[in-house]
N, C-alpha and C. Protein backbone atom coordinates (compact mmCIF):
# COMPACT_ATOMS: atom_id res chain seq x y z
N MET A 1 0.83 -1.19 0.00
CA MET A 1 0.00 0.00 0.00
C MET A 1 0.87 1.25 0.00
N GLY A 2 0.47 2.22 -0.76
CA GLY A 2 1.19 3.48 -0.76
C GLY A 2 0.43 4.53 0.02
N ARG A 3 1.08 5.62 0.23
CA ARG A 3 0.45 6.74 0.95
C ARG A 3 -0.56 7.44 0.04
N ILE A 4 -1.46 8.17 0.68
CA ILE A 4 -2.38 9.04 -0.04
C ILE A 4 -2.07 10.46 0.40
N LEU A 5 -1.92 11.33 -0.57
CA LEU A 5 -1.56 12.72 -0.32
C LEU A 5 -2.77 13.59 -0.59
N SER A 6 -3.00 14.58 0.25
CA SER A 6 -4.09 15.52 -0.04
C SER A 6 -3.54 16.93 -0.12
N ILE A 7 -4.25 17.73 -0.90
CA ILE A 7 -3.80 19.09 -1.19
C ILE A 7 -4.96 20.06 -1.00
N ASP A 8 -4.71 21.09 -0.20
CA ASP A 8 -5.64 22.21 -0.06
C ASP A 8 -4.98 23.37 -0.82
N TYR A 9 -5.32 23.48 -2.10
CA TYR A 9 -4.65 24.41 -3.02
C TYR A 9 -5.18 25.82 -2.82
N GLY A 10 -4.28 26.73 -2.54
CA GLY A 10 -4.66 28.13 -2.34
C GLY A 10 -3.95 29.04 -3.30
N LYS A 11 -4.40 30.26 -3.34
CA LYS A 11 -3.82 31.25 -4.26
C LYS A 11 -2.35 31.54 -3.90
N LYS A 12 -2.04 31.65 -2.61
CA LYS A 12 -0.68 31.96 -2.16
C LYS A 12 0.03 30.76 -1.54
N ARG A 13 -0.70 30.04 -0.68
CA ARG A 13 -0.13 28.91 0.04
C ARG A 13 -0.98 27.68 -0.20
N THR A 14 -0.34 26.52 -0.11
CA THR A 14 -1.04 25.26 -0.29
C THR A 14 -0.70 24.32 0.86
N GLY A 15 -1.75 23.83 1.51
CA GLY A 15 -1.56 22.88 2.60
C GLY A 15 -1.51 21.47 2.05
N ILE A 16 -0.66 20.67 2.66
CA ILE A 16 -0.49 19.28 2.21
C ILE A 16 -0.56 18.36 3.42
N ALA A 17 -1.29 17.26 3.25
CA ALA A 17 -1.38 16.23 4.28
C ALA A 17 -1.15 14.88 3.63
N VAL A 18 -0.88 13.88 4.45
CA VAL A 18 -0.56 12.56 3.92
C VAL A 18 -1.00 11.49 4.92
N THR A 19 -1.26 10.30 4.40
CA THR A 19 -1.54 9.18 5.29
C THR A 19 -0.24 8.47 5.62
N ASP A 20 -0.32 7.61 6.62
CA ASP A 20 0.77 6.69 6.88
C ASP A 20 0.75 5.64 5.76
N ALA A 21 1.74 4.77 5.73
CA ALA A 21 1.85 3.78 4.65
C ALA A 21 0.68 2.79 4.63
N LEU A 22 0.05 2.57 5.78
CA LEU A 22 -1.10 1.66 5.85
C LEU A 22 -2.43 2.36 5.58
N GLN A 23 -2.37 3.66 5.35
CA GLN A 23 -3.56 4.48 5.06
C GLN A 23 -4.57 4.48 6.20
N LEU A 24 -4.06 4.50 7.42
CA LEU A 24 -4.93 4.51 8.59
C LEU A 24 -5.11 5.90 9.19
N ILE A 25 -4.06 6.70 9.14
CA ILE A 25 -4.06 7.99 9.82
C ILE A 25 -3.65 9.09 8.85
N ALA A 26 -4.39 10.19 8.85
CA ALA A 26 -4.04 11.37 8.07
C ALA A 26 -3.35 12.37 9.00
N HIS A 27 -2.27 12.97 8.52
CA HIS A 27 -1.61 14.00 9.32
C HIS A 27 -1.04 15.07 8.41
N GLY A 28 -0.93 16.27 8.95
CA GLY A 28 -0.38 17.38 8.18
C GLY A 28 1.07 17.12 7.81
N LEU A 29 1.44 17.52 6.61
CA LEU A 29 2.81 17.33 6.15
C LEU A 29 3.54 18.68 6.05
N ALA A 30 2.93 19.63 5.36
CA ALA A 30 3.61 20.90 5.11
C ALA A 30 2.63 21.92 4.55
N THR A 31 3.05 23.16 4.59
CA THR A 31 2.41 24.21 3.82
C THR A 31 3.51 24.82 2.97
N VAL A 32 3.26 24.89 1.67
CA VAL A 32 4.28 25.41 0.75
C VAL A 32 3.70 26.56 -0.07
N GLU A 33 4.59 27.38 -0.57
CA GLU A 33 4.16 28.45 -1.46
C GLU A 33 3.54 27.80 -2.69
N THR A 34 2.40 28.30 -3.12
CA THR A 34 1.69 27.70 -4.24
C THR A 34 2.55 27.67 -5.51
N ALA A 35 3.39 28.65 -5.68
CA ALA A 35 4.24 28.69 -6.88
C ALA A 35 5.17 27.47 -6.97
N SER A 36 5.50 26.86 -5.85
CA SER A 36 6.43 25.72 -5.88
C SER A 36 5.77 24.40 -5.48
N VAL A 37 4.44 24.39 -5.36
CA VAL A 37 3.77 23.18 -4.85
C VAL A 37 3.90 21.99 -5.80
N ALA A 38 3.86 22.20 -7.10
CA ALA A 38 3.97 21.08 -8.04
C ALA A 38 5.32 20.38 -7.87
N ASP A 39 6.40 21.15 -7.76
CA ASP A 39 7.73 20.56 -7.56
C ASP A 39 7.79 19.79 -6.24
N PHE A 40 7.21 20.36 -5.19
CA PHE A 40 7.18 19.70 -3.89
C PHE A 40 6.44 18.36 -3.98
N VAL A 41 5.27 18.37 -4.61
CA VAL A 41 4.45 17.16 -4.70
C VAL A 41 5.16 16.09 -5.53
N VAL A 42 5.71 16.47 -6.67
CA VAL A 42 6.42 15.50 -7.52
C VAL A 42 7.58 14.87 -6.75
N GLY A 43 8.36 15.68 -6.05
CA GLY A 43 9.48 15.16 -5.28
C GLY A 43 9.02 14.21 -4.18
N TYR A 44 7.97 14.60 -3.48
CA TYR A 44 7.47 13.76 -2.39
C TYR A 44 6.92 12.44 -2.93
N VAL A 45 6.15 12.50 -4.00
CA VAL A 45 5.57 11.29 -4.59
C VAL A 45 6.67 10.32 -5.01
N ARG A 46 7.73 10.83 -5.58
CA ARG A 46 8.83 9.96 -6.04
C ARG A 46 9.60 9.36 -4.88
N ARG A 47 9.72 10.09 -3.76
CA ARG A 47 10.45 9.59 -2.60
C ARG A 47 9.64 8.62 -1.75
N GLU A 48 8.34 8.89 -1.61
CA GLU A 48 7.55 8.22 -0.58
C GLU A 48 6.52 7.19 -1.07
N GLY A 49 6.43 6.94 -2.34
CA GLY A 49 5.51 5.91 -2.79
C GLY A 49 4.04 6.25 -2.60
N VAL A 50 3.65 7.42 -3.07
CA VAL A 50 2.25 7.85 -3.00
C VAL A 50 1.47 7.15 -4.09
N GLU A 51 0.31 6.60 -3.75
CA GLU A 51 -0.48 5.89 -4.76
C GLU A 51 -1.68 6.69 -5.27
N ARG A 52 -2.04 7.76 -4.57
CA ARG A 52 -3.20 8.56 -4.98
C ARG A 52 -3.06 9.96 -4.39
N ILE A 53 -3.59 10.94 -5.13
CA ILE A 53 -3.62 12.33 -4.65
C ILE A 53 -5.07 12.79 -4.62
N VAL A 54 -5.45 13.38 -3.50
CA VAL A 54 -6.80 13.93 -3.32
C VAL A 54 -6.66 15.44 -3.21
N VAL A 55 -7.37 16.15 -4.06
CA VAL A 55 -7.28 17.61 -4.09
C VAL A 55 -8.63 18.19 -3.65
N GLY A 56 -8.58 19.07 -2.69
CA GLY A 56 -9.80 19.73 -2.24
C GLY A 56 -10.40 20.56 -3.36
N TYR A 57 -11.70 20.36 -3.61
CA TYR A 57 -12.37 21.11 -4.66
C TYR A 57 -13.16 22.24 -4.02
N PRO A 58 -12.83 23.48 -4.38
CA PRO A 58 -13.44 24.63 -3.72
C PRO A 58 -14.85 24.95 -4.24
N ARG A 59 -15.78 24.89 -3.32
CA ARG A 59 -17.18 25.22 -3.65
C ARG A 59 -17.71 26.24 -2.65
N GLN A 60 -18.70 26.99 -3.12
CA GLN A 60 -19.45 27.89 -2.24
C GLN A 60 -20.38 27.03 -1.38
N SER A 61 -20.97 27.62 -0.36
CA SER A 61 -21.89 26.85 0.49
C SER A 61 -23.10 26.34 -0.27
N ASP A 62 -23.47 27.01 -1.39
CA ASP A 62 -24.62 26.55 -2.19
C ASP A 62 -24.23 25.46 -3.20
N GLY A 63 -22.95 25.06 -3.21
CA GLY A 63 -22.51 24.00 -4.10
C GLY A 63 -21.88 24.48 -5.39
N SER A 64 -22.00 25.76 -5.70
CA SER A 64 -21.39 26.28 -6.93
C SER A 64 -19.88 26.42 -6.75
N ASP A 65 -19.16 26.47 -7.88
CA ASP A 65 -17.71 26.62 -7.82
C ASP A 65 -17.32 27.94 -7.17
N SER A 66 -16.25 27.93 -6.39
CA SER A 66 -15.74 29.17 -5.83
C SER A 66 -14.79 29.81 -6.83
N GLU A 67 -14.29 30.99 -6.51
CA GLU A 67 -13.40 31.70 -7.44
C GLU A 67 -12.08 30.98 -7.64
N ASN A 68 -11.69 30.10 -6.72
CA ASN A 68 -10.43 29.38 -6.84
C ASN A 68 -10.55 28.11 -7.71
N ALA A 69 -11.75 27.70 -8.05
CA ALA A 69 -11.96 26.45 -8.80
C ALA A 69 -11.17 26.39 -10.11
N PRO A 70 -11.15 27.43 -10.94
CA PRO A 70 -10.37 27.33 -12.19
C PRO A 70 -8.88 27.11 -11.94
N ARG A 71 -8.33 27.73 -10.89
CA ARG A 71 -6.91 27.53 -10.56
C ARG A 71 -6.66 26.09 -10.12
N VAL A 72 -7.58 25.55 -9.32
CA VAL A 72 -7.45 24.17 -8.85
C VAL A 72 -7.53 23.19 -10.02
N LYS A 73 -8.47 23.42 -10.94
CA LYS A 73 -8.59 22.55 -12.12
C LYS A 73 -7.32 22.59 -12.96
N ALA A 74 -6.76 23.78 -13.15
CA ALA A 74 -5.52 23.91 -13.94
C ALA A 74 -4.36 23.19 -13.24
N PHE A 75 -4.30 23.30 -11.92
CA PHE A 75 -3.26 22.61 -11.16
C PHE A 75 -3.39 21.10 -11.31
N VAL A 76 -4.61 20.59 -11.22
CA VAL A 76 -4.82 19.14 -11.35
C VAL A 76 -4.43 18.66 -12.76
N GLN A 77 -4.74 19.45 -13.78
CA GLN A 77 -4.30 19.09 -15.14
C GLN A 77 -2.78 19.01 -15.21
N ARG A 78 -2.11 19.93 -14.54
CA ARG A 78 -0.65 19.91 -14.51
C ARG A 78 -0.14 18.67 -13.78
N LEU A 79 -0.78 18.31 -12.67
CA LEU A 79 -0.39 17.09 -11.95
C LEU A 79 -0.54 15.85 -12.83
N HIS A 80 -1.63 15.79 -13.59
CA HIS A 80 -1.85 14.65 -14.49
C HIS A 80 -0.69 14.51 -15.49
N LYS A 81 -0.17 15.64 -15.97
CA LYS A 81 0.94 15.61 -16.92
C LYS A 81 2.25 15.23 -16.23
N LEU A 82 2.47 15.76 -15.03
CA LEU A 82 3.72 15.50 -14.30
C LEU A 82 3.76 14.09 -13.70
N LEU A 83 2.60 13.59 -13.28
CA LEU A 83 2.52 12.28 -12.62
C LEU A 83 1.43 11.43 -13.27
N PRO A 84 1.63 11.03 -14.52
CA PRO A 84 0.55 10.36 -15.25
C PRO A 84 0.10 9.02 -14.66
N ASP A 85 0.93 8.39 -13.84
CA ASP A 85 0.57 7.09 -13.28
C ASP A 85 -0.12 7.19 -11.91
N ILE A 86 -0.27 8.39 -11.40
CA ILE A 86 -0.88 8.58 -10.08
C ILE A 86 -2.29 9.12 -10.26
N PRO A 87 -3.31 8.38 -9.77
CA PRO A 87 -4.68 8.92 -9.86
C PRO A 87 -4.82 10.18 -8.99
N VAL A 88 -5.51 11.15 -9.55
CA VAL A 88 -5.79 12.40 -8.84
C VAL A 88 -7.29 12.57 -8.83
N GLU A 89 -7.85 12.82 -7.67
CA GLU A 89 -9.30 13.03 -7.60
C GLU A 89 -9.63 14.21 -6.71
N PHE A 90 -10.81 14.75 -6.94
CA PHE A 90 -11.30 15.88 -6.15
C PHE A 90 -12.11 15.39 -4.95
N PHE A 91 -12.10 16.21 -3.90
CA PHE A 91 -12.97 15.98 -2.75
C PHE A 91 -13.48 17.35 -2.29
N ASP A 92 -14.76 17.44 -2.07
CA ASP A 92 -15.40 18.70 -1.68
C ASP A 92 -14.74 19.26 -0.43
N GLU A 93 -14.24 20.49 -0.52
CA GLU A 93 -13.56 21.09 0.63
C GLU A 93 -14.39 22.15 1.34
N ARG A 94 -15.68 22.19 1.06
CA ARG A 94 -16.51 23.18 1.76
C ARG A 94 -16.34 23.06 3.26
N PHE A 95 -16.20 24.17 3.90
CA PHE A 95 -16.16 24.28 5.36
C PHE A 95 -14.87 23.76 6.00
N THR A 96 -13.86 23.36 5.21
CA THR A 96 -12.65 22.84 5.85
C THR A 96 -11.91 23.91 6.65
N SER A 97 -11.90 25.15 6.17
CA SER A 97 -11.23 26.21 6.93
C SER A 97 -11.94 26.46 8.26
N VAL A 98 -13.26 26.42 8.24
CA VAL A 98 -14.03 26.59 9.47
C VAL A 98 -13.72 25.44 10.43
N LEU A 99 -13.71 24.22 9.90
CA LEU A 99 -13.40 23.06 10.73
C LEU A 99 -11.96 23.12 11.26
N ALA A 100 -11.04 23.62 10.45
CA ALA A 100 -9.65 23.76 10.90
C ALA A 100 -9.55 24.73 12.07
N HIS A 101 -10.22 25.87 11.96
CA HIS A 101 -10.22 26.83 13.07
C HIS A 101 -10.86 26.23 14.32
N GLN A 102 -11.94 25.49 14.13
CA GLN A 102 -12.61 24.84 15.25
C GLN A 102 -11.68 23.82 15.92
N ALA A 103 -10.97 23.05 15.11
CA ALA A 103 -10.02 22.07 15.66
C ALA A 103 -8.91 22.76 16.43
N MET A 104 -8.46 23.90 15.94
CA MET A 104 -7.41 24.65 16.63
C MET A 104 -7.92 25.17 17.97
N LEU A 105 -9.15 25.66 17.99
CA LEU A 105 -9.75 26.12 19.24
C LEU A 105 -9.87 24.99 20.24
N GLU A 106 -10.42 23.87 19.77
CA GLU A 106 -10.63 22.72 20.65
C GLU A 106 -9.31 22.13 21.11
N GLY A 107 -8.28 22.29 20.31
CA GLY A 107 -6.95 21.81 20.67
C GLY A 107 -6.23 22.73 21.64
N GLY A 108 -6.85 23.86 21.96
CA GLY A 108 -6.28 24.77 22.94
C GLY A 108 -5.18 25.66 22.41
N LEU A 109 -5.09 25.83 21.09
CA LEU A 109 -4.05 26.70 20.55
C LEU A 109 -4.34 28.16 20.89
N LYS A 110 -3.29 28.87 21.21
CA LYS A 110 -3.42 30.29 21.53
C LYS A 110 -3.82 31.08 20.28
N LYS A 111 -4.33 32.28 20.50
CA LYS A 111 -4.83 33.11 19.40
C LYS A 111 -3.77 33.32 18.32
N LYS A 112 -2.53 33.57 18.74
CA LYS A 112 -1.47 33.81 17.75
C LYS A 112 -1.27 32.58 16.85
N ALA A 113 -1.31 31.39 17.41
CA ALA A 113 -1.16 30.16 16.61
C ALA A 113 -2.35 29.98 15.69
N ARG A 114 -3.55 30.35 16.16
CA ARG A 114 -4.75 30.20 15.32
C ARG A 114 -4.74 31.16 14.15
N GLN A 115 -3.96 32.24 14.24
CA GLN A 115 -3.87 33.21 13.15
C GLN A 115 -2.81 32.80 12.12
N ASN A 116 -2.12 31.71 12.37
CA ASN A 116 -1.10 31.22 11.45
C ASN A 116 -1.78 30.56 10.25
N LYS A 117 -1.86 31.30 9.15
CA LYS A 117 -2.59 30.82 7.98
C LYS A 117 -1.96 29.54 7.39
N ALA A 118 -0.66 29.40 7.50
CA ALA A 118 0.00 28.19 7.00
C ALA A 118 -0.47 26.97 7.79
N LEU A 119 -0.62 27.13 9.10
CA LEU A 119 -1.10 26.02 9.92
C LEU A 119 -2.55 25.69 9.57
N VAL A 120 -3.36 26.71 9.34
CA VAL A 120 -4.75 26.49 8.93
C VAL A 120 -4.80 25.71 7.62
N ASP A 121 -3.95 26.05 6.66
CA ASP A 121 -3.92 25.36 5.37
C ASP A 121 -3.53 23.89 5.55
N GLU A 122 -2.55 23.63 6.39
CA GLU A 122 -2.11 22.25 6.63
C GLU A 122 -3.20 21.43 7.33
N ILE A 123 -3.86 22.04 8.30
CA ILE A 123 -4.96 21.36 8.99
C ILE A 123 -6.12 21.13 8.02
N SER A 124 -6.40 22.10 7.16
CA SER A 124 -7.46 21.94 6.16
C SER A 124 -7.16 20.76 5.23
N ALA A 125 -5.91 20.63 4.80
CA ALA A 125 -5.53 19.49 3.96
C ALA A 125 -5.74 18.18 4.71
N THR A 126 -5.46 18.18 6.01
CA THR A 126 -5.66 16.98 6.82
C THR A 126 -7.14 16.65 6.93
N ILE A 127 -7.98 17.65 7.08
CA ILE A 127 -9.43 17.45 7.16
C ILE A 127 -9.96 16.91 5.83
N ILE A 128 -9.46 17.44 4.73
CA ILE A 128 -9.86 16.94 3.40
C ILE A 128 -9.51 15.45 3.30
N LEU A 129 -8.30 15.10 3.69
CA LEU A 129 -7.86 13.71 3.59
C LEU A 129 -8.66 12.80 4.52
N GLN A 130 -8.90 13.26 5.73
CA GLN A 130 -9.68 12.46 6.68
C GLN A 130 -11.11 12.26 6.14
N GLY A 131 -11.69 13.31 5.60
CA GLY A 131 -13.03 13.21 5.02
C GLY A 131 -13.08 12.24 3.85
N TRP A 132 -12.05 12.29 3.00
CA TRP A 132 -11.98 11.37 1.87
C TRP A 132 -11.87 9.93 2.36
N MET A 133 -11.02 9.72 3.37
CA MET A 133 -10.84 8.37 3.91
C MET A 133 -12.14 7.84 4.52
N GLU A 134 -12.84 8.69 5.25
CA GLU A 134 -14.11 8.27 5.86
C GLU A 134 -15.17 7.98 4.81
N ALA A 135 -15.21 8.80 3.77
CA ALA A 135 -16.20 8.58 2.70
C ALA A 135 -15.90 7.29 1.93
N ARG A 136 -14.65 6.98 1.79
CA ARG A 136 -14.24 5.81 1.03
C ARG A 136 -14.41 4.51 1.81
N HIS A 137 -14.12 4.57 3.08
CA HIS A 137 -14.11 3.36 3.90
C HIS A 137 -15.31 3.23 4.83
N GLY A 138 -16.16 4.25 4.83
CA GLY A 138 -17.37 4.19 5.64
C GLY A 138 -17.14 4.39 7.04
């Protein structure tokens, strides 16, 4: 079994999370500048034996595409070209930022830590991956 990588693609920063090799636990991996995220993902996939990539698909609360959707679609097309043997799929990311902030509050993080947008992006990627795993495995 290989790892599953998830991506919370943003305009400036992109959060990344990954499963363990047995695909039991999702955990945050990194937040990288969006301009270099493709290189980061390709390098990680080649080093760590990733078998699938899950990308958060940005939607409004009413289900329509958000303003970031075209950028996410273009990024996924680029991933398909760079990693043609790795399946890439979308997972609805509605409310992940809200859930990330809630998790930070419940985890007792101080206000300054909760304002760390990079940490929010990484937690959001973890929530996307956990949601995908739960939807897939019931």
